[in-house]
Protein backbone atom coordinates (compact mmCIF):
# COMPACT_ATOMS: atom_id res chain seq x y z
CA MET A 1 39.08 -0.30 170.96
CA PRO A 2 37.15 2.92 170.43
CA LYS A 3 35.63 4.60 173.43
CA ALA A 4 32.08 4.01 172.11
CA ILE A 5 32.67 0.25 172.11
CA ARG A 6 34.19 0.33 175.58
CA THR A 7 31.20 2.33 176.81
CA TYR A 8 28.78 -0.10 175.14
CA VAL A 9 30.52 -3.07 176.79
CA ARG A 10 30.52 -1.39 180.21
CA VAL A 11 26.84 -0.36 180.01
CA VAL A 12 25.58 -3.74 178.75
CA ASP A 13 27.69 -5.65 181.29
CA THR A 14 26.36 -3.47 184.10
CA LEU A 15 22.76 -3.84 182.91
CA SER A 16 23.16 -7.61 182.63
CA GLN A 17 24.63 -7.73 186.14
CA TYR A 18 21.74 -5.78 187.70
CA VAL A 19 19.08 -7.77 185.85
CA GLY A 20 20.85 -10.94 186.98
CA TYR A 21 20.69 -9.77 190.60
CA VAL A 22 16.94 -9.27 190.24
CA ALA A 23 16.70 -12.81 188.87
CA MET A 24 18.60 -14.23 191.83
CA TYR A 25 16.03 -12.90 194.27
CA LEU A 26 13.13 -14.38 192.31
CA ILE A 27 14.03 -17.77 193.80
CA PHE A 28 13.01 -16.45 197.22
CA LEU A 29 9.72 -15.22 195.78
CA MET A 30 9.08 -18.60 194.20
CA VAL A 31 9.87 -20.44 197.44
CA GLY A 32 7.53 -18.06 199.28
CA ILE A 33 4.71 -18.72 196.80
CA LEU A 34 5.18 -22.48 197.07
CA LEU A 35 5.33 -22.26 200.87
CA LEU A 36 2.11 -20.23 200.89
CA ASP A 37 0.49 -22.87 198.68
CA ALA A 38 1.63 -25.69 200.98
CA VAL A 39 0.38 -23.94 204.11
CA THR A 40 -2.99 -22.87 202.72
CA ARG A 41 -3.63 -26.24 201.08
CA ASN A 42 -2.44 -28.56 203.87
CA VAL A 43 -2.74 -26.59 207.12
CA ILE A 44 -5.83 -24.41 206.77
CA ASP A 45 -7.44 -26.41 203.92
CA ILE A 46 -8.01 -23.41 201.64
CA PRO A 47 -6.27 -24.16 198.35
CA LEU A 48 -5.14 -21.10 196.38
CA HIS A 49 -5.45 -21.93 192.71
CA TRP A 50 -3.02 -19.28 191.51
CA CYS A 51 0.03 -20.41 193.49
CA ILE A 52 1.41 -23.13 191.23
CA GLU A 53 1.03 -21.05 188.08
CA ALA A 54 2.56 -18.02 189.80
CA ALA A 55 5.50 -20.19 190.81
CA GLN A 56 5.85 -21.42 187.22
CA PHE A 57 5.82 -17.84 185.90
CA THR A 58 8.38 -16.85 188.54
CA LEU A 59 10.66 -19.71 187.51
CA ALA A 60 10.32 -18.76 183.84
CA SER A 61 11.16 -15.16 184.75
CA TYR A 62 14.17 -16.41 186.71
CA TYR A 63 15.78 -18.18 183.80
CA PHE A 64 14.84 -15.49 181.26
CA LEU A 65 16.32 -12.73 183.42
CA GLY A 66 19.41 -14.74 184.33
CA GLY A 67 20.50 -15.49 180.76
CA ALA A 68 22.50 -12.34 180.08
CA MET A 69 24.34 -12.49 183.43
CA THR A 70 25.14 -16.15 182.79
CA LEU A 71 26.75 -15.18 179.50
CA LYS A 72 28.58 -12.23 181.01
CA ASP A 73 30.01 -14.26 183.88
CA ASN A 74 30.92 -17.18 181.61
CA ASP A 75 28.78 -19.53 183.70
CA HIS A 76 27.17 -21.29 180.75
CA VAL A 77 27.79 -24.92 179.83
CA ARG A 78 30.77 -25.55 177.55
CA MET A 79 32.37 -28.72 176.20
CA ASP A 80 35.98 -28.49 177.34
CA LEU A 81 37.48 -31.39 175.44
CA LEU A 82 39.95 -29.23 173.55
CA TYR A 83 39.12 -25.72 174.72
CA ASP A 84 41.45 -25.73 177.74
CA ARG A 85 44.42 -26.66 175.54
CA LEU A 86 43.95 -23.65 173.25
CA SER A 87 45.96 -20.45 173.55
CA VAL A 88 44.28 -17.24 174.67
CA THR A 89 43.80 -16.16 171.06
CA GLY A 90 42.64 -19.65 170.10
CA LYS A 91 40.02 -19.51 172.82
CA ALA A 92 38.98 -16.02 171.73
CA ARG A 93 38.70 -17.17 168.11
CA LEU A 94 36.56 -20.17 169.05
CA ASP A 95 34.44 -18.08 171.43
CA LEU A 96 33.90 -15.43 168.75
CA ILE A 97 32.65 -18.09 166.32
CA THR A 98 30.39 -19.48 169.03
CA MET A 99 29.00 -16.02 169.82
CA ILE A 100 28.21 -15.40 166.15
CA CYS A 101 26.29 -18.70 166.06
CA LEU A 102 24.55 -17.72 169.29
CA LEU A 103 23.52 -14.38 167.77
CA PHE A 104 21.92 -16.21 164.86
CA TYR A 105 20.08 -18.54 167.26
CA LEU A 106 18.91 -15.63 169.43
CA GLY A 107 17.73 -13.81 166.30
CA VAL A 108 15.56 -16.78 165.33
CA LEU A 109 14.35 -17.08 168.94
CA LEU A 110 13.51 -13.36 169.02
CA THR A 111 11.52 -13.65 165.80
CA GLY A 112 9.40 -16.41 167.33
CA ALA A 113 9.05 -14.58 170.64
CA VAL A 114 7.87 -11.36 168.96
CA SER A 115 5.39 -13.34 166.87
CA SER A 116 4.11 -15.09 169.99
CA LEU A 117 3.81 -11.77 171.84
CA GLU A 118 1.89 -10.20 168.94
CA TYR A 119 -0.51 -13.14 168.97
CA ALA A 120 -0.97 -12.84 172.74
CA ILE A 121 -1.76 -9.12 172.42
CA GLN A 122 -4.13 -9.53 169.47
CA THR A 123 -6.10 -12.36 171.05
CA ASN A 124 -5.71 -11.33 174.70
CA GLU A 125 -4.22 -14.80 175.24
CA ARG A 126 -4.81 -16.33 178.62
CA ARG A 127 -3.63 -19.56 180.13
CA PHE A 128 -6.52 -22.01 180.26
CA SER A 129 -6.84 -22.69 183.98
CA MET A 130 -8.92 -21.76 186.99
CA TRP A 131 -6.76 -18.67 187.61
CA ASN A 132 -6.77 -17.75 183.90
CA PRO A 133 -3.73 -15.39 183.89
CA SER A 134 -2.78 -13.26 180.90
CA MET A 135 0.22 -14.48 178.91
CA ILE A 136 1.20 -10.98 177.77
CA PRO A 137 3.48 -10.11 180.74
CA ILE A 138 5.58 -13.28 180.57
CA LYS A 139 5.86 -13.10 176.79
CA SER A 140 6.87 -9.42 177.00
CA LEU A 141 9.53 -10.34 179.54
CA MET A 142 10.75 -13.10 177.24
CA VAL A 143 11.19 -10.65 174.34
CA GLY A 144 13.02 -8.13 176.53
CA CYS A 145 15.35 -10.75 177.96
CA ILE A 146 16.20 -12.19 174.54
CA ILE A 147 17.11 -8.67 173.41
CA LEU A 148 19.30 -8.24 176.50
CA MET A 149 21.01 -11.56 175.74
CA MET A 150 21.66 -10.38 172.20
CA LEU A 151 23.18 -7.15 173.52
CA GLN A 152 25.35 -9.15 175.93
CA THR A 153 26.44 -11.47 173.11
CA VAL A 154 27.54 -8.46 171.04
CA SER A 155 29.44 -7.19 174.11
CA LEU A 156 31.26 -10.52 174.32
CA CYS A 157 32.02 -10.38 170.59
CA PHE A 158 33.69 -7.02 171.13
CA LYS A 159 35.74 -8.48 173.99
CA TYR A 160 36.88 -11.48 171.97
CA TRP A 161 37.65 -9.30 168.97
CA ALA A 162 39.79 -7.05 171.17
CA ILE A 163 41.78 -10.09 172.32
CA LEU A 164 42.32 -11.17 168.71
CA ARG A 165 43.56 -7.68 167.86
CA GLY A 166 46.06 -7.88 170.71
CA ALA A 167 44.38 -5.16 172.78
CA PRO A 168 42.17 -6.97 175.28
CA LEU A 169 39.70 -4.97 177.28
CA THR A 170 41.10 -6.67 180.41
CA ASP A 171 44.55 -7.31 181.84
CA GLU A 172 44.00 -11.04 182.38
CA HIS A 173 42.88 -11.71 178.79
CA ASP A 174 39.56 -12.87 180.20
CA PRO A 175 36.77 -11.11 178.33
CA ASN A 176 34.38 -11.85 181.14
CA GLU A 177 36.24 -9.73 183.69
CA MET A 178 36.53 -6.01 183.06
CA GLY A 179 37.89 -3.68 185.70
CA GLU A 180 37.24 0.03 185.99
CA GLU A 181 40.78 0.87 184.92
CA ASP A 182 40.18 -0.93 181.61
CA VAL A 183 37.09 1.12 180.80
CA ALA A 184 38.52 4.62 181.10
């Protein structure tokens, strides 16, 4: 594979990994928000109206931010009825077809997300509640994370294509594991 493709794969994989690490720590933030809500509501009898919605936004951020790392680490759900019986190239061929379908799906999802973000910006959309938070930050995050998932999907396509060409980017023929010696 050309050096530009190897560099692209390395950069996108690294970015997905770091964004995924940020997502992992959001669980602690969400637990803290819910704990604060429980204490203020039940112990000192001062309910904070923003806690539940903040926890919901944190959870949404968690799964948006974790999508690309889930793809990169091959931790997504897969039906393994026949997949395990396939050869390495058979798996790569099937995975490449799946990634192309995923790219189409993410493209449609991105179109809707951008449209939703434009609407939120034009109308200064707010969630109808006592706290009344703006929807622009979470919708912006959604658009950015869908783009990152698309970039990660293209990275995986390059990895599967390399396996089909007989020159995998890894020694183990696993496109989800790429060592430093394979990048140089």
